[in-house]
Amino acid sequence: MIRYRLVCGHDHEFDQWFDSMADYDSKKAEDALCCPECGDTTVAKSLMAPRLSGSGGTVGTSTDPAPPCGGGGCGGGMCPALN
């Protein structure tokens, strides 16, 4: 799973989880993404700082927990629980 910070054409920013980078690309190509605030379907990735682990703890853009893995597991080494 991967979380992207998205922004719509009206500058509303929001986070959304995807199964993979290809999942985001597929939904973007199908215009299947929309802003939860205004419904705009002109949505793109926004700049987002990566989560970093260090001796001082985890530093990141949010303290939101990752969603649970599905029944088949995350696969592909993308599981946020492994980071």
PDB file of N, CA and C in Angstrom:
ATOM      1  N   MET A   1       0.846  -1.173   0.000  1.00  0.00           N
ATOM      2  CA  MET A   1       0.000   0.000   0.000  1.00  0.00           C
ATOM      3  C   MET A   1       0.897   1.243   0.000  1.00  0.00           C
ATOM      4  N   ILE A   2       0.410   2.267  -0.655  1.00  0.00           N
ATOM      5  CA  ILE A   2       1.139   3.526  -0.713  1.00  0.00           C
ATOM      6  C   ILE A   2       0.147   4.674  -0.556  1.00  0.00           C
ATOM      7  N   ARG A   3       0.549   5.672   0.200  1.00  0.00           N
ATOM      8  CA  ARG A   3      -0.326   6.826   0.415  1.00  0.00           C
ATOM      9  C   ARG A   3       0.250   8.018  -0.336  1.00  0.00           C
ATOM     10  N   TYR A   4      -0.609   8.674  -1.088  1.00  0.00           N
ATOM     11  CA  TYR A   4      -0.208   9.889  -1.788  1.00  0.00           C
ATOM     12  C   TYR A   4      -0.981  11.076  -1.238  1.00  0.00           C
ATOM     13  N   ARG A   5      -0.333  12.203  -1.206  1.00  0.00           N
ATOM     14  CA  ARG A   5      -0.984  13.484  -0.938  1.00  0.00           C
ATOM     15  C   ARG A   5      -1.423  13.976  -2.309  1.00  0.00           C
ATOM     16  N   LEU A   6      -2.721  14.216  -2.475  1.00  0.00           N
ATOM     17  CA  LEU A   6      -3.283  14.650  -3.747  1.00  0.00           C
ATOM     18  C   LEU A   6      -3.809  16.071  -3.621  1.00  0.00           C
ATOM     19  N   VAL A   7      -3.925  16.749  -4.743  1.00  0.00           N
ATOM     20  CA  VAL A   7      -4.468  18.105  -4.781  1.00  0.00           C
ATOM     21  C   VAL A   7      -5.382  18.203  -5.998  1.00  0.00           C
ATOM     22  N   CYS A   8      -6.545  18.850  -5.801  1.00  0.00           N
ATOM     23  CA  CYS A   8      -7.480  19.013  -6.911  1.00  0.00           C
ATOM     24  C   CYS A   8      -7.243  20.355  -7.600  1.00  0.00           C
ATOM     25  N   GLY A   9      -7.993  20.616  -8.650  1.00  0.00           N
ATOM     26  CA  GLY A   9      -7.862  21.853  -9.407  1.00  0.00           C
ATOM     27  C   GLY A   9      -8.244  23.096  -8.623  1.00  0.00           C
ATOM     28  N   HIS A  10      -8.888  22.901  -7.452  1.00  0.00           N
ATOM     29  CA  HIS A  10      -9.265  24.025  -6.588  1.00  0.00           C
ATOM     30  C   HIS A  10      -8.339  24.139  -5.377  1.00  0.00           C
ATOM     31  N   ASP A  11      -7.186  23.474  -5.454  1.00  0.00           N
ATOM     32  CA  ASP A  11      -6.151  23.501  -4.405  1.00  0.00           C
ATOM     33  C   ASP A  11      -6.573  22.881  -3.085  1.00  0.00           C
ATOM     34  N   HIS A  12      -7.534  21.968  -3.090  1.00  0.00           N
ATOM     35  CA  HIS A  12      -7.863  21.208  -1.885  1.00  0.00           C
ATOM     36  C   HIS A  12      -6.891  20.033  -1.816  1.00  0.00           C
ATOM     37  N   GLU A  13      -6.214  19.861  -0.701  1.00  0.00           N
ATOM     38  CA  GLU A  13      -5.274  18.752  -0.524  1.00  0.00           C
ATOM     39  C   GLU A  13      -5.904  17.671   0.337  1.00  0.00           C
ATOM     40  N   PHE A  14      -5.623  16.410  -0.007  1.00  0.00           N
ATOM     41  CA  PHE A  14      -6.138  15.275   0.745  1.00  0.00           C
ATOM     42  C   PHE A  14      -5.231  14.074   0.508  1.00  0.00           C
ATOM     43  N   ASP A  15      -5.256  13.135   1.433  1.00  0.00           N
ATOM     44  CA  ASP A  15      -4.472  11.905   1.327  1.00  0.00           C
ATOM     45  C   ASP A  15      -5.367  10.775   0.856  1.00  0.00           C
ATOM     46  N   GLN A  16      -4.780   9.862   0.072  1.00  0.00           N
ATOM     47  CA  GLN A  16      -5.522   8.675  -0.354  1.00  0.00           C
ATOM     48  C   GLN A  16      -4.557   7.502  -0.477  1.00  0.00           C
ATOM     49  N   TRP A  17      -5.021   6.338  -0.042  1.00  0.00           N
ATOM     50  CA  TRP A  17      -4.235   5.105  -0.119  1.00  0.00           C
ATOM     51  C   TRP A  17      -4.508   4.384  -1.435  1.00  0.00           C
ATOM     52  N   PHE A  18      -3.447   3.766  -1.989  1.00  0.00           N
ATOM     53  CA  PHE A  18      -3.536   2.985  -3.220  1.00  0.00           C
ATOM     54  C   PHE A  18      -2.816   1.659  -3.000  1.00  0.00           C
ATOM     55  N   ASP A  19      -3.226   0.637  -3.749  1.00  0.00           N
ATOM     56  CA  ASP A  19      -2.578  -0.669  -3.632  1.00  0.00           C
ATOM     57  C   ASP A  19      -1.130  -0.615  -4.091  1.00  0.00           C
ATOM     58  N   SER A  20      -0.837   0.242  -5.073  1.00  0.00           N
ATOM     59  CA  SER A  20       0.510   0.353  -5.637  1.00  0.00           C
ATOM     60  C   SER A  20       0.588   1.638  -6.453  1.00  0.00           C
ATOM     61  N   MET A  21       1.781   1.938  -6.968  1.00  0.00           N
ATOM     62  CA  MET A  21       1.925   3.086  -7.856  1.00  0.00           C
ATOM     63  C   MET A  21       1.093   2.876  -9.117  1.00  0.00           C
ATOM     64  N   ALA A  22       1.058   1.637  -9.613  1.00  0.00           N
ATOM     65  CA  ALA A  22       0.270   1.316 -10.805  1.00  0.00           C
ATOM     66  C   ALA A  22      -1.224   1.512 -10.557  1.00  0.00           C
ATOM     67  N   ASP A  23      -1.679   1.243  -9.337  1.00  0.00           N
ATOM     68  CA  ASP A  23      -3.083   1.462  -8.988  1.00  0.00           C
ATOM     69  C   ASP A  23      -3.425   2.947  -9.114  1.00  0.00           C
ATOM     70  N   TYR A  24      -2.557   3.815  -8.601  1.00  0.00           N
ATOM     71  CA  TYR A  24      -2.780   5.262  -8.746  1.00  0.00           C
ATOM     72  C   TYR A  24      -2.819   5.640 -10.224  1.00  0.00           C
ATOM     73  N   ASP A  25      -1.819   5.177 -10.992  1.00  0.00           N
ATOM     74  CA  ASP A  25      -1.740   5.522 -12.413  1.00  0.00           C
ATOM     75  C   ASP A  25      -2.993   5.083 -13.166  1.00  0.00           C
ATOM     76  N   SER A  26      -3.489   3.897 -12.854  1.00  0.00           N
ATOM     77  CA  SER A  26      -4.693   3.373 -13.499  1.00  0.00           C
ATOM     78  C   SER A  26      -5.915   4.231 -13.173  1.00  0.00           C
ATOM     79  N   LYS A  27      -6.082   4.559 -11.903  1.00  0.00           N
ATOM     80  CA  LYS A  27      -7.231   5.376 -11.497  1.00  0.00           C
ATOM     81  C   LYS A  27      -7.134   6.790 -12.066  1.00  0.00           C
ATOM     82  N   LYS A  28      -5.936   7.328 -12.148  1.00  0.00           N
ATOM     83  CA  LYS A  28      -5.730   8.648 -12.729  1.00  0.00           C
ATOM     84  C   LYS A  28      -6.114   8.629 -14.210  1.00  0.00           C
ATOM     85  N   ALA A  29      -5.681   7.600 -14.948  1.00  0.00           N
ATOM     86  CA  ALA A  29      -5.973   7.486 -16.381  1.00  0.00           C
ATOM     87  C   ALA A  29      -7.471   7.339 -16.642  1.00  0.00           C
ATOM     88  N   GLU A  30      -8.188   6.701 -15.721  1.00  0.00           N
ATOM     89  CA  GLU A  30      -9.628   6.480 -15.872  1.00  0.00           C
ATOM     90  C   GLU A  30     -10.462   7.635 -15.306  1.00  0.00           C
ATOM     91  N   ASP A  31      -9.808   8.700 -14.838  1.00  0.00           N
ATOM     92  CA  ASP A  31     -10.497   9.812 -14.160  1.00  0.00           C
ATOM     93  C   ASP A  31     -11.358   9.310 -13.010  1.00  0.00           C
ATOM     94  N   ALA A  32     -10.847   8.309 -12.291  1.00  0.00           N
ATOM     95  CA  ALA A  32     -11.582   7.710 -11.176  1.00  0.00           C
ATOM     96  C   ALA A  32     -11.214   8.338  -9.832  1.00  0.00           C
ATOM     97  N   LEU A  33     -10.445   9.416  -9.850  1.00  0.00           N
ATOM     98  CA  LEU A  33     -10.075  10.113  -8.623  1.00  0.00           C
ATOM     99  C   LEU A  33     -10.910  11.378  -8.524  1.00  0.00           C
ATOM    100  N   CYS A  34     -11.370  11.680  -7.304  1.00  0.00           N
ATOM    101  CA  CYS A  34     -12.098  12.941  -7.131  1.00  0.00           C
ATOM    102  C   CYS A  34     -11.841  13.497  -5.736  1.00  0.00           C
ATOM    103  N   CYS A  35     -11.920  14.799  -5.649  1.00  0.00           N
ATOM    104  CA  CYS A  35     -11.702  15.518  -4.393  1.00  0.00           C
ATOM    105  C   CYS A  35     -12.882  15.267  -3.456  1.00  0.00           C
ATOM    106  N   PRO A  36     -12.623  14.851  -2.217  1.00  0.00           N
ATOM    107  CA  PRO A  36     -13.721  14.620  -1.282  1.00  0.00           C
ATOM    108  C   PRO A  36     -14.393  15.912  -0.816  1.00  0.00           C
ATOM    109  N   GLU A  37     -13.738  17.043  -1.013  1.00  0.00           N
ATOM    110  CA  GLU A  37     -14.306  18.314  -0.571  1.00  0.00           C
ATOM    111  C   GLU A  37     -15.225  18.945  -1.615  1.00  0.00           C
ATOM    112  N   CYS A  38     -14.815  18.896  -2.898  1.00  0.00           N
ATOM    113  CA  CYS A  38     -15.602  19.590  -3.925  1.00  0.00           C
ATOM    114  C   CYS A  38     -16.034  18.697  -5.079  1.00  0.00           C
ATOM    115  N   GLY A  39     -15.516  17.454  -5.146  1.00  0.00           N
ATOM    116  CA  GLY A  39     -15.895  16.539  -6.208  1.00  0.00           C
ATOM    117  C   GLY A  39     -15.135  16.729  -7.511  1.00  0.00           C
ATOM    118  N   ASP A  40     -14.169  17.642  -7.549  1.00  0.00           N
ATOM    119  CA  ASP A  40     -13.385  17.888  -8.757  1.00  0.00           C
ATOM    120  C   ASP A  40     -12.615  16.627  -9.137  1.00  0.00           C
ATOM    121  N   THR A  41     -12.615  16.271 -10.411  1.00  0.00           N
ATOM    122  CA  THR A  41     -11.886  15.088 -10.876  1.00  0.00           C
ATOM    123  C   THR A  41     -10.538  15.456 -11.496  1.00  0.00           C
ATOM    124  N   THR A  42     -10.178  16.742 -11.463  1.00  0.00           N
ATOM    125  CA  THR A  42      -8.848  17.169 -11.890  1.00  0.00           C
ATOM    126  C   THR A  42      -7.943  17.042 -10.674  1.00  0.00           C
ATOM    127  N   VAL A  43      -7.351  15.861 -10.506  1.00  0.00           N
ATOM    128  CA  VAL A  43      -6.573  15.533  -9.309  1.00  0.00           C
ATOM    129  C   VAL A  43      -5.164  15.131  -9.730  1.00  0.00           C
ATOM    130  N   ALA A  44      -4.169  15.595  -8.981  1.00  0.00           N
ATOM    131  CA  ALA A  44      -2.775  15.251  -9.255  1.00  0.00           C
ATOM    132  C   ALA A  44      -2.044  15.024  -7.936  1.00  0.00           C
ATOM    133  N   LYS A  45      -0.889  14.372  -8.015  1.00  0.00           N
ATOM    134  CA  LYS A  45      -0.060  14.186  -6.831  1.00  0.00           C
ATOM    135  C   LYS A  45       0.498  15.534  -6.400  1.00  0.00           C
ATOM    136  N   SER A  46       0.559  15.729  -5.100  1.00  0.00           N
ATOM    137  CA  SER A  46       1.162  16.918  -4.521  1.00  0.00           C
ATOM    138  C   SER A  46       2.530  16.534  -3.986  1.00  0.00           C
ATOM    139  N   LEU A  47       3.364  17.515  -3.727  1.00  0.00           N
ATOM    140  CA  LEU A  47       4.651  17.223  -3.100  1.00  0.00           C
ATOM    141  C   LEU A  47       4.412  16.740  -1.681  1.00  0.00           C
ATOM    142  N   MET A  48       5.158  15.732  -1.275  1.00  0.00           N
ATOM    143  CA  MET A  48       4.984  15.152   0.056  1.00  0.00           C
ATOM    144  C   MET A  48       6.337  14.700   0.572  1.00  0.00           C
ATOM    145  N   ALA A  49       6.648  15.061   1.789  1.00  0.00           N
ATOM    146  CA  ALA A  49       7.913  14.638   2.393  1.00  0.00           C
ATOM    147  C   ALA A  49       7.837  13.157   2.737  1.00  0.00           C
ATOM    148  N   PRO A  50       8.917  12.412   2.505  1.00  0.00           N
ATOM    149  CA  PRO A  50       8.902  10.987   2.855  1.00  0.00           C
ATOM    150  C   PRO A  50       8.973  10.787   4.361  1.00  0.00           C
ATOM    151  N   ARG A  51       8.481   9.638   4.805  1.00  0.00           N
ATOM    152  CA  ARG A  51       8.623   9.275   6.219  1.00  0.00           C
ATOM    153  C   ARG A  51      10.038   8.748   6.416  1.00  0.00           C
ATOM    154  N   LEU A  52      10.700   9.230   7.442  1.00  0.00           N
ATOM    155  CA  LEU A  52      12.063   8.818   7.728  1.00  0.00           C
ATOM    156  C   LEU A  52      12.134   8.247   9.128  1.00  0.00           C
ATOM    157  N   SER A  53      12.899   7.168   9.287  1.00  0.00           N
ATOM    158  CA  SER A  53      13.130   6.609  10.608  1.00  0.00           C
ATOM    159  C   SER A  53      14.549   6.943  11.020  1.00  0.00           C
ATOM    160  N   GLY A  54      14.705   7.278  12.241  1.00  0.00           N
ATOM    161  CA  GLY A  54      16.025   7.587  12.759  1.00  0.00           C
ATOM    162  C   GLY A  54      16.080   7.246  14.224  1.00  0.00           C
ATOM    163  N   SER A  55      17.195   7.566  14.856  1.00  0.00           N
ATOM    164  CA  SER A  55      17.344   7.242  16.265  1.00  0.00           C
ATOM    165  C   SER A  55      16.385   8.043  17.132  1.00  0.00           C
ATOM    166  N   GLY A  56      15.889   9.177  16.611  1.00  0.00           N
ATOM    167  CA  GLY A  56      14.974  10.013  17.382  1.00  0.00           C
ATOM    168  C   GLY A  56      13.523   9.631  17.190  1.00  0.00           C
ATOM    169  N   GLY A  57      13.235   8.540  16.500  1.00  0.00           N
ATOM    170  CA  GLY A  57      11.855   8.141  16.254  1.00  0.00           C
ATOM    171  C   GLY A  57      11.487   8.374  14.804  1.00  0.00           C
ATOM    172  N   THR A  58      10.236   8.263  14.513  1.00  0.00           N
ATOM    173  CA  THR A  58       9.764   8.415  13.151  1.00  0.00           C
ATOM    174  C   THR A  58       9.383   9.863  12.887  1.00  0.00           C
ATOM    175  N   VAL A  59       9.842  10.376  11.769  1.00  0.00           N
ATOM    176  CA  VAL A  59       9.504  11.721  11.340  1.00  0.00           C
ATOM    177  C   VAL A  59       8.708  11.574  10.064  1.00  0.00           C
ATOM    178  N   GLY A  60       7.587  12.269   9.940  1.00  0.00           N
ATOM    179  CA  GLY A  60       6.791  12.161   8.725  1.00  0.00           C
ATOM    180  C   GLY A  60       5.774  13.268   8.640  1.00  0.00           C
ATOM    181  N   THR A  61       4.913  13.159   7.638  1.00  0.00           N
ATOM    182  CA  THR A  61       3.928  14.197   7.404  1.00  0.00           C
ATOM    183  C   THR A  61       2.665  13.974   8.205  1.00  0.00           C
ATOM    184  N   SER A  62       2.514  12.781   8.804  1.00  0.00           N
ATOM    185  CA  SER A  62       1.278  12.486   9.503  1.00  0.00           C
ATOM    186  C   SER A  62       1.508  11.364  10.500  1.00  0.00           C
ATOM    187  N   THR A  63       0.665  11.303  11.506  1.00  0.00           N
ATOM    188  CA  THR A  63       0.728  10.194  12.456  1.00  0.00           C
ATOM    189  C   THR A  63      -0.399   9.201  12.199  1.00  0.00           C
ATOM    190  N   ASP A  64      -1.117   9.365  11.073  1.00  0.00           N
ATOM    191  CA  ASP A  64      -2.190   8.441  10.735  1.00  0.00           C
ATOM    192  C   ASP A  64      -1.623   7.034  10.561  1.00  0.00           C
ATOM    193  N   PRO A  65      -2.244   6.023  11.157  1.00  0.00           N
ATOM    194  CA  PRO A  65      -1.761   4.663  10.974  1.00  0.00           C
ATOM    195  C   PRO A  65      -2.068   4.176   9.564  1.00  0.00           C
ATOM    196  N   ALA A  66      -1.253   3.249   9.097  1.00  0.00           N
ATOM    197  CA  ALA A  66      -1.493   2.637   7.790  1.00  0.00           C
ATOM    198  C   ALA A  66      -2.730   1.756   7.884  1.00  0.00           C
ATOM    199  N   PRO A  67      -3.470   1.626   6.792  1.00  0.00           N
ATOM    200  CA  PRO A  67      -4.625   0.733   6.823  1.00  0.00           C
ATOM    201  C   PRO A  67      -4.164  -0.707   6.949  1.00  0.00           C
ATOM    202  N   PRO A  68      -5.000  -1.601   7.469  1.00  0.00           N
ATOM    203  CA  PRO A  68      -4.597  -2.992   7.610  1.00  0.00           C
ATOM    204  C   PRO A  68      -4.430  -3.662   6.254  1.00  0.00           C
ATOM    205  N   CYS A  69      -3.564  -4.660   6.223  1.00  0.00           N
ATOM    206  CA  CYS A  69      -3.356  -5.419   4.985  1.00  0.00           C
ATOM    207  C   CYS A  69      -4.602  -6.234   4.670  1.00  0.00           C
ATOM    208  N   GLY A  70      -4.832  -6.485   3.398  1.00  0.00           N
ATOM    209  CA  GLY A  70      -5.950  -7.314   2.971  1.00  0.00           C
ATOM    210  C   GLY A  70      -5.682  -8.771   3.299  1.00  0.00           C
ATOM    211  N   GLY A  71      -6.637  -9.623   3.008  1.00  0.00           N
ATOM    212  CA  GLY A  71      -6.514 -11.038   3.306  1.00  0.00           C
ATOM    213  C   GLY A  71      -5.336 -11.706   2.631  1.00  0.00           C
ATOM    214  N   GLY A  72      -4.956 -11.224   1.438  1.00  0.00           N
ATOM    215  CA  GLY A  72      -3.838 -11.804   0.705  1.00  0.00           C
ATOM    216  C   GLY A  72      -2.502 -11.191   1.065  1.00  0.00           C
ATOM    217  N   GLY A  73      -2.479 -10.221   1.974  1.00  0.00           N
ATOM    218  CA  GLY A  73      -1.246  -9.553   2.334  1.00  0.00           C
ATOM    219  C   GLY A  73      -0.911  -8.466   1.330  1.00  0.00           C
ATOM    220  N   CYS A  74       0.061  -7.668   1.668  1.00  0.00           N
ATOM    221  CA  CYS A  74       0.430  -6.537   0.797  1.00  0.00           C
ATOM    222  C   CYS A  74       1.204  -7.010  -0.415  1.00  0.00           C
ATOM    223  N   GLY A  75       2.133  -7.901  -0.234  1.00  0.00           N
ATOM    224  CA  GLY A  75       2.942  -8.408  -1.349  1.00  0.00           C
ATOM    225  C   GLY A  75       3.857  -7.342  -1.919  1.00  0.00           C
ATOM    226  N   GLY A  76       4.808  -7.758  -2.689  1.00  0.00           N
ATOM    227  CA  GLY A  76       5.702  -6.846  -3.397  1.00  0.00           C
ATOM    228  C   GLY A  76       6.576  -5.976  -2.506  1.00  0.00           C
ATOM    229  N   GLY A  77       6.670  -6.270  -1.222  1.00  0.00           N
ATOM    230  CA  GLY A  77       7.501  -5.481  -0.328  1.00  0.00           C
ATOM    231  C   GLY A  77       6.959  -4.090  -0.052  1.00  0.00           C
ATOM    232  N   MET A  78       5.691  -3.837  -0.364  1.00  0.00           N
ATOM    233  CA  MET A  78       5.113  -2.511  -0.188  1.00  0.00           C
ATOM    234  C   MET A  78       4.413  -2.343   1.143  1.00  0.00           C
ATOM    235  N   CYS A  79       4.434  -3.338   1.998  1.00  0.00           N
ATOM    236  CA  CYS A  79       3.675  -3.293   3.248  1.00  0.00           C
ATOM    237  C   CYS A  79       4.219  -2.205   4.163  1.00  0.00           C
ATOM    238  N   PRO A  80       3.371  -1.210   4.538  1.00  0.00           N
ATOM    239  CA  PRO A  80       3.826  -0.152   5.426  1.00  0.00           C
ATOM    240  C   PRO A  80       4.219  -0.661   6.802  1.00  0.00           C
ATOM    241  N   ALA A  81       3.709  -1.823   7.189  1.00  0.00           N
ATOM    242  CA  ALA A  81       4.045  -2.379   8.504  1.00  0.00           C
ATOM    243  C   ALA A  81       5.500  -2.849   8.546  1.00  0.00           C
ATOM    244  N   LEU A  82       6.134  -3.047   7.390  1.00  0.00           N
ATOM    245  CA  LEU A  82       7.508  -3.510   7.350  1.00  0.00           C
ATOM    246  C   LEU A  82       8.508  -2.360   7.381  1.00  0.00           C
ATOM    247  N   ASN A  83       8.035  -1.127   7.269  1.00  0.00           N
ATOM    248  CA  ASN A  83       8.939   0.031   7.259  1.00  0.00           C
ATOM    249  C   ASN A  83       9.331   0.439   8.642  1.00  0.00           C
TER     250      ASN A  83
END
